[in-house]
Amino acid sequence: MTGGPLRALSAGDDGSKILEHLLSDFLIKGVIVVIALLVLALGMVVIWRKVGKGDARGHDR
């Protein structure tokens, strides 16, 4: 096979379609995980500040 993996991806056979589908699926799931982690971190910060642990001025109350 000449041309390597890029040639195989552009060939249009069933294997390349499956590989393209798997790569796009991996990217979509990766984006979902990153967004979920950002939402989780934001929620943790909001809860931390609501409880009062984020206020450096009031530690000796």
N, C-alpha and C. Protein backbone atom coordinates (compact mmCIF):
# COMPACT_ATOMS: atom_id res chain seq x y z
N MET A 1 0.85 -1.17 0.00
CA MET A 1 0.00 0.00 0.00
C MET A 1 0.90 1.23 0.00
N THR A 2 0.75 2.04 -1.01
CA THR A 2 1.56 3.25 -1.10
C THR A 2 0.76 4.43 -0.61
N GLY A 3 1.41 5.36 0.03
CA GLY A 3 0.75 6.56 0.50
C GLY A 3 0.48 6.57 2.00
N GLY A 4 0.57 5.45 2.65
CA GLY A 4 0.41 5.39 4.09
C GLY A 4 -1.01 5.60 4.57
N PRO A 5 -1.14 5.98 5.85
CA PRO A 5 -2.45 6.09 6.47
C PRO A 5 -3.33 7.20 5.87
N LEU A 6 -2.72 8.30 5.42
CA LEU A 6 -3.52 9.37 4.84
C LEU A 6 -4.17 8.90 3.54
N ARG A 7 -3.45 8.12 2.78
CA ARG A 7 -4.01 7.56 1.54
C ARG A 7 -5.14 6.60 1.87
N ALA A 8 -4.99 5.82 2.95
CA ALA A 8 -6.03 4.86 3.34
C ALA A 8 -7.28 5.60 3.82
N LEU A 9 -7.12 6.74 4.49
CA LEU A 9 -8.28 7.49 4.95
C LEU A 9 -9.06 8.09 3.78
N SER A 10 -8.35 8.50 2.73
CA SER A 10 -9.03 9.12 1.60
C SER A 10 -9.49 8.11 0.56
N ALA A 11 -9.18 6.84 0.75
CA ALA A 11 -9.53 5.83 -0.23
C ALA A 11 -11.03 5.58 -0.28
N GLY A 12 -11.73 5.71 0.83
CA GLY A 12 -13.18 5.57 0.85
C GLY A 12 -13.66 4.15 1.04
N ASP A 13 -12.80 3.24 1.44
CA ASP A 13 -13.27 1.87 1.70
C ASP A 13 -13.94 1.81 3.06
N ASP A 14 -14.50 0.67 3.40
CA ASP A 14 -15.23 0.54 4.66
C ASP A 14 -14.35 0.73 5.87
N GLY A 15 -13.11 0.29 5.80
CA GLY A 15 -12.20 0.45 6.93
C GLY A 15 -11.93 1.90 7.26
N SER A 16 -11.77 2.72 6.23
CA SER A 16 -11.50 4.13 6.47
C SER A 16 -12.74 4.84 7.00
N LYS A 17 -13.94 4.39 6.57
CA LYS A 17 -15.16 4.99 7.10
C LYS A 17 -15.32 4.67 8.58
N ILE A 18 -14.97 3.45 8.97
CA ILE A 18 -15.05 3.07 10.38
C ILE A 18 -14.03 3.85 11.19
N LEU A 19 -12.83 4.00 10.65
CA LEU A 19 -11.79 4.75 11.34
C LEU A 19 -12.20 6.22 11.50
N GLU A 20 -12.76 6.79 10.46
CA GLU A 20 -13.23 8.18 10.52
C GLU A 20 -14.34 8.32 11.56
N HIS A 21 -15.25 7.37 11.60
CA HIS A 21 -16.34 7.39 12.58
C HIS A 21 -15.79 7.27 14.00
N LEU A 22 -14.83 6.39 14.21
CA LEU A 22 -14.25 6.22 15.55
C LEU A 22 -13.51 7.46 16.00
N LEU A 23 -12.77 8.09 15.09
CA LEU A 23 -12.04 9.31 15.45
C LEU A 23 -13.00 10.44 15.79
N SER A 24 -14.06 10.61 14.99
CA SER A 24 -15.02 11.67 15.30
C SER A 24 -15.76 11.38 16.60
N ASP A 25 -16.08 10.12 16.85
CA ASP A 25 -16.73 9.73 18.10
C ASP A 25 -15.83 10.03 19.29
N PHE A 26 -14.54 9.73 19.16
CA PHE A 26 -13.58 10.00 20.22
C PHE A 26 -13.48 11.50 20.50
N LEU A 27 -13.46 12.31 19.44
CA LEU A 27 -13.37 13.76 19.63
C LEU A 27 -14.62 14.32 20.28
N ILE A 28 -15.79 13.85 19.85
CA ILE A 28 -17.04 14.33 20.44
C ILE A 28 -17.11 13.98 21.92
N LYS A 29 -16.76 12.74 22.25
CA LYS A 29 -16.78 12.33 23.66
C LYS A 29 -15.74 13.09 24.47
N GLY A 30 -14.61 13.38 23.89
CA GLY A 30 -13.59 14.17 24.58
C GLY A 30 -14.07 15.57 24.89
N VAL A 31 -14.75 16.19 23.94
CA VAL A 31 -15.30 17.53 24.16
C VAL A 31 -16.36 17.49 25.26
N ILE A 32 -17.20 16.46 25.26
CA ILE A 32 -18.22 16.32 26.30
C ILE A 32 -17.58 16.19 27.67
N VAL A 33 -16.52 15.41 27.77
CA VAL A 33 -15.83 15.22 29.05
C VAL A 33 -15.20 16.53 29.53
N VAL A 34 -14.58 17.26 28.62
CA VAL A 34 -13.95 18.53 29.00
C VAL A 34 -15.01 19.52 29.49
N ILE A 35 -16.13 19.61 28.80
CA ILE A 35 -17.20 20.51 29.22
C ILE A 35 -17.75 20.08 30.58
N ALA A 36 -17.93 18.77 30.78
CA ALA A 36 -18.44 18.28 32.06
C ALA A 36 -17.46 18.60 33.20
N LEU A 37 -16.17 18.50 32.95
CA LEU A 37 -15.18 18.83 33.98
C LEU A 37 -15.20 20.32 34.32
N LEU A 38 -15.39 21.15 33.29
CA LEU A 38 -15.47 22.59 33.55
C LEU A 38 -16.71 22.93 34.36
N VAL A 39 -17.84 22.32 34.05
CA VAL A 39 -19.06 22.55 34.82
C VAL A 39 -18.89 22.06 36.25
N LEU A 40 -18.25 20.91 36.42
CA LEU A 40 -18.00 20.38 37.76
C LEU A 40 -17.11 21.33 38.56
N ALA A 41 -16.05 21.82 37.94
CA ALA A 41 -15.15 22.74 38.64
C ALA A 41 -15.87 24.03 39.01
N LEU A 42 -16.69 24.54 38.11
CA LEU A 42 -17.45 25.75 38.41
C LEU A 42 -18.42 25.51 39.56
N GLY A 43 -19.09 24.38 39.55
CA GLY A 43 -20.00 24.04 40.65
C GLY A 43 -19.28 23.91 41.97
N MET A 44 -18.10 23.32 41.95
CA MET A 44 -17.32 23.19 43.19
C MET A 44 -16.92 24.55 43.74
N VAL A 45 -16.53 25.46 42.85
CA VAL A 45 -16.14 26.80 43.29
C VAL A 45 -17.34 27.53 43.89
N VAL A 46 -18.50 27.42 43.25
CA VAL A 46 -19.70 28.08 43.76
C VAL A 46 -20.07 27.53 45.13
N ILE A 47 -20.05 26.22 45.28
CA ILE A 47 -20.38 25.60 46.57
C ILE A 47 -19.35 25.99 47.63
N TRP A 48 -18.08 25.99 47.27
CA TRP A 48 -17.00 26.34 48.21
C TRP A 48 -17.19 27.76 48.73
N ARG A 49 -17.54 28.68 47.82
CA ARG A 49 -17.74 30.06 48.24
C ARG A 49 -19.03 30.23 49.03
N LYS A 50 -20.07 29.48 48.70
CA LYS A 50 -21.34 29.55 49.39
C LYS A 50 -21.20 29.08 50.83
N VAL A 51 -20.39 28.04 51.03
CA VAL A 51 -20.16 27.52 52.37
C VAL A 51 -19.31 28.49 53.18
N GLY A 52 -18.50 29.27 52.51
CA GLY A 52 -17.71 30.28 53.19
C GLY A 52 -16.24 29.96 53.30
N LYS A 53 -15.80 28.90 52.66
CA LYS A 53 -14.39 28.53 52.75
C LYS A 53 -13.51 29.36 51.81
N GLY A 54 -14.09 30.08 50.89
CA GLY A 54 -13.31 30.86 49.94
C GLY A 54 -13.02 32.27 50.40
N ASP A 55 -13.53 32.67 51.55
CA ASP A 55 -13.35 34.01 52.06
C ASP A 55 -12.13 34.05 52.98
N ALA A 56 -11.05 34.64 52.53
CA ALA A 56 -9.79 34.67 53.31
C ALA A 56 -9.89 35.61 54.50
N ARG A 57 -10.82 36.57 54.48
CA ARG A 57 -10.89 37.55 55.56
C ARG A 57 -11.54 36.98 56.81
N GLY A 58 -12.40 35.98 56.70
CA GLY A 58 -13.17 35.53 57.84
C GLY A 58 -12.72 34.22 58.46
N HIS A 59 -11.43 33.92 58.43
CA HIS A 59 -10.96 32.64 58.96
C HIS A 59 -11.03 32.56 60.50
N ASP A 60 -10.98 33.70 61.20
CA ASP A 60 -10.94 33.66 62.65
C ASP A 60 -12.29 33.93 63.29
N ARG A 61 -13.36 33.60 62.64
CA ARG A 61 -14.69 33.84 63.21
C ARG A 61 -15.04 32.89 64.28
